[in-house]
């Protein structure tokens, strides 16, 4: 089968009202600018006349059985014959006759070319208020913060990319969060990314869009958090550990020793979160969800199972010895009531040391189980 330069892909689910217009514009663009290409309709189970329209107009129809925006797009991407792919919804909200900025950037060597609606213009009633001023800005800001992405419009539906570059990312999500996964993985894997201004117009459908504000917004947010163990686990864990440690040191010299329970608990929970960050990152790397992390690999090579067992055992024994010392203090009073200010200063740090020691021991074993796959 002959290769093409460009495939224009449209995911489709009951888009009979606007599909013909979108296909006509895309075909006009290919013909007007003498681009060897195709129009691919990735149908996701339409029950209207969308499949018939696509076939009648000469577009390539791909039937994707697995439901979801991401599934439809991936089905279209796999079937596309073009070296470059431009994707956009079939609701006539993006103008398929104005794709030159995307094609030019792809020809320059970029792997992913994102449209930016905030730079190109959002026409009246084209984007809901919450999407324009809350959802898109907040999720884009988080994406830039978590992953240092160069994209300023994370969820623009009009984007172009080099087919092989995107396939190499092993994209896995099936829903609307597919848009975020593409940007995040492209950034993490060092693909060459740029943006071009694009205009968003009101869609031409009479029915409500498939997008659900809160449901799909949460799916995007959930994806960003799950793909960033650093922000989900590591930073909160370090924060709790540091604040808990500082508070514990201060409270040891204060009569308010009952507050030691809270500061010590913060240390323990913080340490658990740090463990989760390491475990999650190692698992994600091994499963191909995240790229290799040199800093993490150096840490794992440095912190061996034996070192973890030694350090955890020392901490456990230290807590056990001080606990025994506290028990002898109690015995010296014939097990009568003790001064809580003095006793809690010793008992709470002892219990904390025991808990941390055991966590280090078992966390070291757990991390070593992950390493069996590579060693």
Protein backbone atom coordinates (compact mmCIF):
# COMPACT_ATOMS: atom_id res chain seq x y z
CA UNK A 1 0.00 0.00 0.00
CA UNK A 2 1.43 3.38 -1.04
CA UNK A 3 2.49 5.73 1.74
CA UNK A 4 1.04 9.22 1.94
CA UNK A 5 2.32 12.44 3.40
CA UNK A 6 -0.76 13.37 5.43
CA UNK A 7 -3.73 11.62 7.01
CA UNK A 8 -6.53 13.79 8.41
CA UNK A 9 -8.29 11.80 11.12
CA UNK A 10 -11.70 12.56 12.60
CA UNK A 11 -13.14 10.51 15.47
CA UNK A 12 -16.84 10.05 14.86
CA UNK A 13 -19.85 9.12 16.96
CA UNK A 14 -23.17 10.17 15.42
CA UNK A 15 -21.85 13.25 13.62
CA UNK A 16 -24.16 13.10 10.58
CA UNK A 17 -25.04 16.80 10.88
CA UNK A 18 -21.49 18.06 10.39
CA UNK A 19 -19.44 15.16 9.05
CA UNK A 20 -19.98 15.91 5.36
CA UNK A 21 -18.90 19.53 5.85
CA UNK A 22 -15.71 18.48 7.65
CA UNK A 23 -14.81 15.85 5.04
CA UNK A 24 -15.44 18.32 2.20
CA UNK A 25 -13.17 20.93 3.80
CA UNK A 26 -10.41 18.38 4.47
CA UNK A 27 -10.56 17.05 0.90
CA UNK A 28 -10.51 20.60 -0.49
CA UNK A 29 -7.40 21.34 1.58
CA UNK A 30 -5.52 18.28 0.29
CA UNK A 31 -6.44 19.08 -3.30
CA UNK A 32 -5.84 22.85 -3.07
CA UNK A 33 -2.32 22.48 -1.66
CA UNK A 34 -1.40 19.40 -3.71
CA UNK A 35 -0.80 17.22 -0.69
CA UNK A 36 -0.80 13.48 -1.14
CA UNK A 37 -3.12 12.46 1.65
CA UNK A 38 -6.34 10.90 2.86
CA UNK A 39 -9.29 11.60 5.13
CA UNK A 40 -9.85 8.91 7.76
CA UNK A 41 -13.11 8.63 9.71
CA UNK A 42 -12.65 6.56 12.88
CA UNK A 43 -16.23 5.60 13.62
CA UNK A 44 -16.91 4.55 17.19
CA UNK A 45 -20.30 2.89 16.79
CA UNK A 46 -22.48 5.53 15.15
CA UNK A 47 -26.16 4.63 14.80
CA UNK A 48 -26.97 7.51 12.46
CA UNK A 49 -25.91 7.90 8.82
CA UNK A 50 -22.30 8.92 9.62
CA UNK A 51 -20.70 5.72 8.19
CA UNK A 52 -22.72 6.01 4.98
CA UNK A 53 -21.75 9.68 4.59
CA UNK A 54 -18.05 8.89 5.04
CA UNK A 55 -18.15 6.07 2.48
CA UNK A 56 -20.19 8.06 -0.03
CA UNK A 57 -17.76 10.99 0.11
CA UNK A 58 -14.73 8.80 -0.49
CA UNK A 59 -13.21 8.98 3.00
CA UNK A 60 -11.51 5.95 4.54
CA UNK A 61 -13.92 4.49 7.10
CA UNK A 62 -12.45 2.66 10.10
CA UNK A 63 -14.85 0.93 12.47
CA UNK A 64 -13.49 0.99 16.03
CA UNK A 65 -15.40 -1.33 18.36
CA UNK A 66 -13.75 -0.36 21.64
CA UNK A 67 -15.63 2.64 23.00
CA UNK A 68 -13.99 5.93 23.88
CA UNK A 69 -12.42 9.01 22.31
CA UNK A 70 -8.92 7.63 22.76
CA UNK A 71 -9.87 4.25 21.33
CA UNK A 72 -11.38 5.83 18.23
CA UNK A 73 -8.32 8.01 17.63
CA UNK A 74 -5.86 5.17 18.15
CA UNK A 75 -7.83 3.02 15.73
CA UNK A 76 -7.60 5.79 13.16
CA UNK A 77 -3.90 6.37 13.81
CA UNK A 78 -3.05 2.70 13.35
CA UNK A 79 -4.97 2.56 10.08
CA UNK A 80 -3.62 5.84 8.70
CA UNK A 81 -1.15 5.66 5.83
CA UNK A 82 0.27 9.14 6.22
CA UNK A 83 3.69 10.00 7.59
CA UNK A 84 2.00 12.96 9.25
CA UNK A 85 -1.38 12.94 10.97
CA UNK A 86 -3.67 15.84 11.79
CA UNK A 87 -6.60 15.06 14.08
CA UNK A 88 -9.67 17.06 14.97
CA UNK A 89 -13.30 16.49 15.90
CA UNK A 90 -15.92 16.06 13.19
CA UNK A 91 -18.21 18.74 14.67
CA UNK A 92 -17.00 21.61 12.44
CA UNK A 93 -15.50 23.52 15.38
CA UNK A 94 -12.09 23.55 13.65
CA UNK A 95 -11.49 24.68 10.08
CA UNK A 96 -9.94 21.87 8.04
CA UNK A 97 -9.12 24.29 5.22
CA UNK A 98 -6.52 26.05 7.37
CA UNK A 99 -4.07 23.31 8.23
CA UNK A 100 -0.96 24.82 6.62
CA UNK A 101 0.62 25.97 9.93
CA UNK A 102 0.52 22.37 11.19
CA UNK A 103 1.89 20.84 7.98
CA UNK A 104 4.68 23.41 7.76
CA UNK A 105 5.86 22.68 11.31
CA UNK A 106 5.71 18.94 10.71
CA UNK A 107 7.79 19.36 7.57
CA UNK A 108 10.31 21.35 9.62
CA UNK A 109 10.85 18.26 11.78
CA UNK A 110 8.55 18.72 14.76
CA UNK A 111 7.03 15.54 16.22
CA UNK A 112 3.95 17.15 17.77
CA UNK A 113 2.29 20.39 16.69
CA UNK A 114 -0.40 21.58 19.07
CA UNK A 115 -3.09 24.08 18.23
CA UNK A 116 -3.50 26.93 20.70
CA UNK A 117 -7.05 28.30 20.87
CA UNK A 118 -6.18 30.99 23.38
CA UNK A 119 -3.68 32.51 20.93
CA UNK A 120 -5.71 31.92 17.78
CA UNK A 121 -9.10 32.97 19.08
CA UNK A 122 -12.20 31.48 20.67
CA UNK A 123 -15.37 32.69 19.02
CA UNK A 124 -18.45 33.57 21.10
CA UNK A 125 -20.25 30.49 22.46
CA UNK A 126 -17.53 28.20 21.14
CA UNK A 127 -16.29 27.14 24.57
CA UNK A 128 -18.31 26.88 27.81
CA UNK A 129 -17.43 29.39 30.52
CA UNK A 130 -16.09 26.75 32.92
CA UNK A 131 -13.90 25.20 30.24
CA UNK A 132 -12.48 28.56 29.16
CA UNK A 133 -11.76 30.10 32.55
CA UNK A 134 -11.36 27.12 34.87
CA UNK A 135 -10.93 23.68 33.32
CA UNK A 136 -8.47 24.34 30.50
CA UNK A 137 -6.33 26.96 32.30
CA UNK A 138 -6.04 24.93 35.51
CA UNK A 139 -5.31 21.59 33.83
CA UNK A 140 -2.83 23.23 31.46
CA UNK A 141 -1.10 24.95 34.39
CA UNK A 142 -0.84 21.63 36.23
CA UNK A 143 0.52 19.96 33.12
CA UNK A 144 3.21 22.61 32.76
CA UNK A 145 4.01 22.43 36.49
CA UNK A 146 4.14 18.63 36.73
CA UNK A 147 5.87 17.85 33.44
CA UNK A 148 7.45 21.14 32.23
CA UNK A 149 5.43 20.87 29.04
CA UNK A 150 5.83 23.68 26.50
CA UNK A 151 2.12 23.47 25.59
CA UNK A 152 -0.17 26.30 26.68
CA UNK A 153 -3.42 24.65 25.56
CA UNK A 154 -3.26 21.04 26.74
CA UNK A 155 -6.66 20.05 25.43
CA UNK A 156 -6.85 21.57 22.00
CA UNK A 157 -8.55 18.99 19.78
CA UNK A 158 -6.72 20.13 16.66
CA UNK A 159 -3.15 18.85 16.58
CA UNK A 160 -0.68 17.33 14.14
CA UNK A 161 2.02 14.77 14.75
CA UNK A 162 4.46 12.38 13.15
CA UNK A 163 2.78 8.96 13.17
CA UNK A 164 5.79 6.87 14.16
CA UNK A 165 6.79 9.28 16.92
CA UNK A 166 3.37 9.03 18.57
CA UNK A 167 3.13 5.26 18.12
CA UNK A 168 6.47 4.93 19.89
CA UNK A 169 4.87 6.43 23.02
CA UNK A 170 2.61 3.38 23.52
CA UNK A 171 -0.45 5.48 24.37
CA UNK A 172 -2.93 3.48 26.43
CA UNK A 173 -5.86 5.58 27.64
CA UNK A 174 -9.19 5.05 25.91
CA UNK A 175 -11.20 8.12 26.97
CA UNK A 176 -10.93 11.89 26.73
CA UNK A 177 -7.70 11.83 28.75
CA UNK A 178 -6.02 10.51 25.59
CA UNK A 179 -5.41 14.17 24.71
CA UNK A 180 -3.46 14.71 27.94
CA UNK A 181 -1.55 11.44 27.61
CA UNK A 182 -0.28 12.41 24.17
CA UNK A 183 1.11 15.73 25.42
CA UNK A 184 2.52 14.33 28.68
CA UNK A 185 4.28 11.36 27.10
CA UNK A 186 5.59 13.47 24.23
CA UNK A 187 7.11 15.84 26.77
CA UNK A 188 8.56 13.12 29.01
CA UNK A 189 10.09 11.28 26.07
CA UNK A 190 11.73 14.39 24.68
CA UNK A 191 9.78 14.71 21.45
CA UNK A 192 10.12 17.97 19.53
CA UNK A 193 6.96 19.97 20.32
CA UNK A 194 5.63 23.33 19.18
CA UNK A 195 2.36 25.28 19.04
CA UNK A 196 0.51 27.22 16.36
CA UNK A 197 -2.48 29.55 16.84
CA UNK A 198 -5.82 28.06 15.85
CA UNK A 199 -9.40 29.27 15.97
CA UNK A 200 -12.23 27.50 17.77
CA UNK A 201 -15.74 28.06 16.41
CA UNK A 202 -19.10 26.93 17.79
CA UNK A 203 -19.77 23.39 16.63
CA UNK A 204 -22.47 22.83 14.05
CA UNK A 205 -24.44 20.17 15.89
CA UNK A 206 -27.94 20.62 17.30
CA UNK A 207 -27.38 18.02 20.03
CA UNK A 208 -25.25 18.31 23.15
CA UNK A 209 -21.53 17.42 22.82
CA UNK A 210 -20.21 14.11 24.09
CA UNK A 211 -17.91 15.97 26.49
CA UNK A 212 -19.04 16.01 30.13
CA UNK A 213 -17.47 18.89 32.05
CA UNK A 214 -16.93 17.43 35.51
CA UNK A 215 -16.54 13.78 34.55
CA UNK A 216 -14.00 14.38 31.81
CA UNK A 217 -12.29 17.15 33.75
CA UNK A 218 -11.73 14.71 36.60
CA UNK A 219 -10.41 12.07 34.19
CA UNK A 220 -7.83 14.54 32.88
CA UNK A 221 -6.85 15.60 36.42
CA UNK A 222 -6.63 11.98 37.56
CA UNK A 223 -4.36 11.16 34.66
CA UNK A 224 -2.02 14.09 35.40
CA UNK A 225 -1.75 13.02 39.05
CA UNK A 226 -1.21 9.33 38.29
CA UNK A 227 1.53 10.15 35.80
CA UNK A 228 3.37 12.34 38.31
CA UNK A 229 4.35 10.29 41.38
CA UNK A 230 6.60 13.19 42.30
CA UNK A 231 3.69 15.60 42.86
CA UNK A 232 1.17 13.00 44.01
CA UNK A 233 3.38 11.24 46.58
CA UNK A 234 6.97 12.48 46.83
CA UNK A 235 6.57 16.21 47.52
CA UNK A 236 3.64 15.80 49.97
CA UNK A 237 5.60 13.00 51.67
CA UNK A 238 8.75 15.09 52.09
CA UNK A 239 6.64 18.00 53.34
CA UNK A 240 4.96 15.87 56.02
CA UNK A 241 8.23 14.29 57.09
CA UNK A 242 10.08 17.60 57.39
CA UNK A 243 7.24 19.41 59.17
CA UNK A 244 6.66 16.40 61.43
CA UNK A 245 10.36 16.18 62.30
CA UNK A 246 10.64 19.90 63.05
CA UNK A 247 7.48 19.78 65.19
CA UNK A 248 8.73 16.70 67.04
CA UNK A 249 12.05 18.35 67.93
CA UNK A 250 10.24 21.44 69.20
CA UNK A 251 7.64 19.50 71.16
CA UNK A 252 10.26 17.34 72.90
CA UNK A 253 11.18 20.44 74.90
CA UNK A 254 7.58 21.53 75.41
CA UNK A 255 4.99 20.49 78.03
CA UNK A 256 2.49 19.95 75.17
CA UNK A 257 3.78 16.43 74.57
CA UNK A 258 0.44 15.01 73.47
CA UNK A 259 0.91 16.90 70.21
CA UNK A 260 3.87 14.59 69.61
CA UNK A 261 1.34 12.00 68.48
CA UNK A 262 0.39 14.19 65.54
CA UNK A 263 3.91 15.20 64.57
CA UNK A 264 5.11 11.61 64.77
CA UNK A 265 2.15 10.44 62.71
CA UNK A 266 3.06 13.05 60.08
CA UNK A 267 6.57 11.57 59.89
CA UNK A 268 5.24 8.04 59.43
CA UNK A 269 2.63 9.01 56.81
CA UNK A 270 5.18 11.17 55.00
CA UNK A 271 7.61 8.25 54.83
CA UNK A 272 4.85 6.01 53.46
CA UNK A 273 4.12 8.55 50.71
CA UNK A 274 7.79 8.69 49.75
CA UNK A 275 7.76 4.89 49.51
CA UNK A 276 4.67 5.06 47.29
CA UNK A 277 6.45 7.55 45.02
CA UNK A 278 9.43 5.24 44.56
CA UNK A 279 7.32 2.10 44.07
CA UNK A 280 5.00 3.82 41.60
CA UNK A 281 7.85 5.28 39.55
CA UNK A 282 9.73 1.96 39.35
CA UNK A 283 6.57 0.08 38.33
CA UNK A 284 5.61 2.71 35.73
CA UNK A 285 9.09 2.61 34.18
CA UNK A 286 9.10 -1.19 34.01
CA UNK A 287 5.67 -1.23 32.38
CA UNK A 288 6.67 1.39 29.82
CA UNK A 289 4.29 4.00 31.21
CA UNK A 290 7.10 6.42 32.06
CA UNK A 291 10.58 6.84 30.57
CA UNK A 292 13.76 5.88 32.42
CA UNK A 293 14.81 8.12 35.31
CA UNK A 294 18.58 8.26 35.83
CA UNK A 295 18.30 9.75 39.33
CA UNK A 296 15.96 7.00 40.48
CA UNK A 297 18.18 4.29 38.98
CA UNK A 298 21.21 5.71 40.79
CA UNK A 299 19.25 5.75 44.06
CA UNK A 300 18.15 2.13 43.63
CA UNK A 301 21.70 1.03 42.79
CA UNK A 302 23.02 2.88 45.83
CA UNK A 303 20.32 1.84 48.30
CA UNK A 304 20.57 -1.95 48.24
CA UNK A 305 18.39 -4.45 50.07
CA UNK A 306 21.18 -5.12 52.55
CA UNK A 307 21.64 -1.43 53.33
CA UNK A 308 17.90 -1.05 53.86
CA UNK A 309 17.82 -4.06 56.19
CA UNK A 310 20.75 -2.73 58.22
CA UNK A 311 19.37 0.79 58.52
CA UNK A 312 15.83 -0.41 59.29
CA UNK A 313 17.07 -2.88 61.90
CA UNK A 314 19.18 -0.22 63.63
CA UNK A 315 16.18 2.12 63.79
CA UNK A 316 13.93 -0.69 65.03
CA UNK A 317 16.41 -1.72 67.74
CA UNK A 318 16.89 1.89 68.79
CA UNK A 319 13.13 2.26 69.26
CA UNK A 320 12.97 -1.07 71.06
CA UNK A 321 15.80 -0.20 73.46
CA UNK A 322 14.27 3.15 74.39
CA UNK A 323 10.90 1.42 74.84
CA UNK A 324 12.49 -1.06 77.25
CA UNK A 325 14.10 1.84 79.08
CA UNK A 326 10.65 3.46 79.42
CA UNK A 327 9.27 0.14 80.72
CA UNK A 328 11.95 0.00 83.43
CA UNK A 329 11.08 3.56 84.42
CA UNK A 330 7.50 2.45 84.85
CA UNK A 331 8.59 -0.62 86.81
CA UNK A 332 10.57 1.60 89.16
CA UNK A 333 7.27 3.17 90.23
CA UNK A 334 5.66 -0.27 90.75
CA UNK A 335 3.63 0.32 87.58
CA UNK A 336 1.74 3.22 89.09
CA UNK A 337 0.77 6.43 87.31
CA UNK A 338 3.60 8.20 85.52
CA UNK A 339 4.23 11.80 84.66
CA UNK A 340 2.91 11.94 81.06
CA UNK A 341 5.14 14.87 80.15
CA UNK A 342 8.26 12.83 80.85
CA UNK A 343 6.96 9.47 79.65
CA UNK A 344 5.47 10.63 76.32
CA UNK A 345 8.72 12.34 75.37
CA UNK A 346 10.34 8.92 75.35
CA UNK A 347 7.54 6.56 74.34
CA UNK A 348 6.23 8.38 71.26
CA UNK A 349 9.65 8.77 69.55
CA UNK A 350 10.38 5.14 70.42
CA UNK A 351 7.21 3.89 68.77
CA UNK A 352 7.90 6.12 65.76
CA UNK A 353 11.40 4.66 65.39
CA UNK A 354 10.02 1.12 65.58
CA UNK A 355 7.38 1.86 62.93
CA UNK A 356 9.86 3.55 60.58
CA UNK A 357 12.40 0.75 61.04
CA UNK A 358 9.88 -1.91 60.10
CA UNK A 359 8.69 0.13 57.12
CA UNK A 360 12.25 0.50 55.84
CA UNK A 361 12.88 -3.25 56.19
CA UNK A 362 9.75 -4.31 54.30
CA UNK A 363 10.00 -1.47 51.78
CA UNK A 364 13.52 -2.65 50.95
CA UNK A 365 12.23 -6.17 50.31
CA UNK A 366 9.37 -4.82 48.20
CA UNK A 367 11.69 -2.68 46.09
CA UNK A 368 13.98 -5.66 45.58
CA UNK A 369 11.06 -7.68 44.21
CA UNK A 370 10.63 -5.00 41.53
CA UNK A 371 14.30 -5.29 40.71
CA UNK A 372 14.05 -9.04 40.09
CA UNK A 373 12.48 -8.26 36.72
CA UNK A 374 15.59 -6.45 35.52
CA UNK A 375 18.28 -8.34 37.39
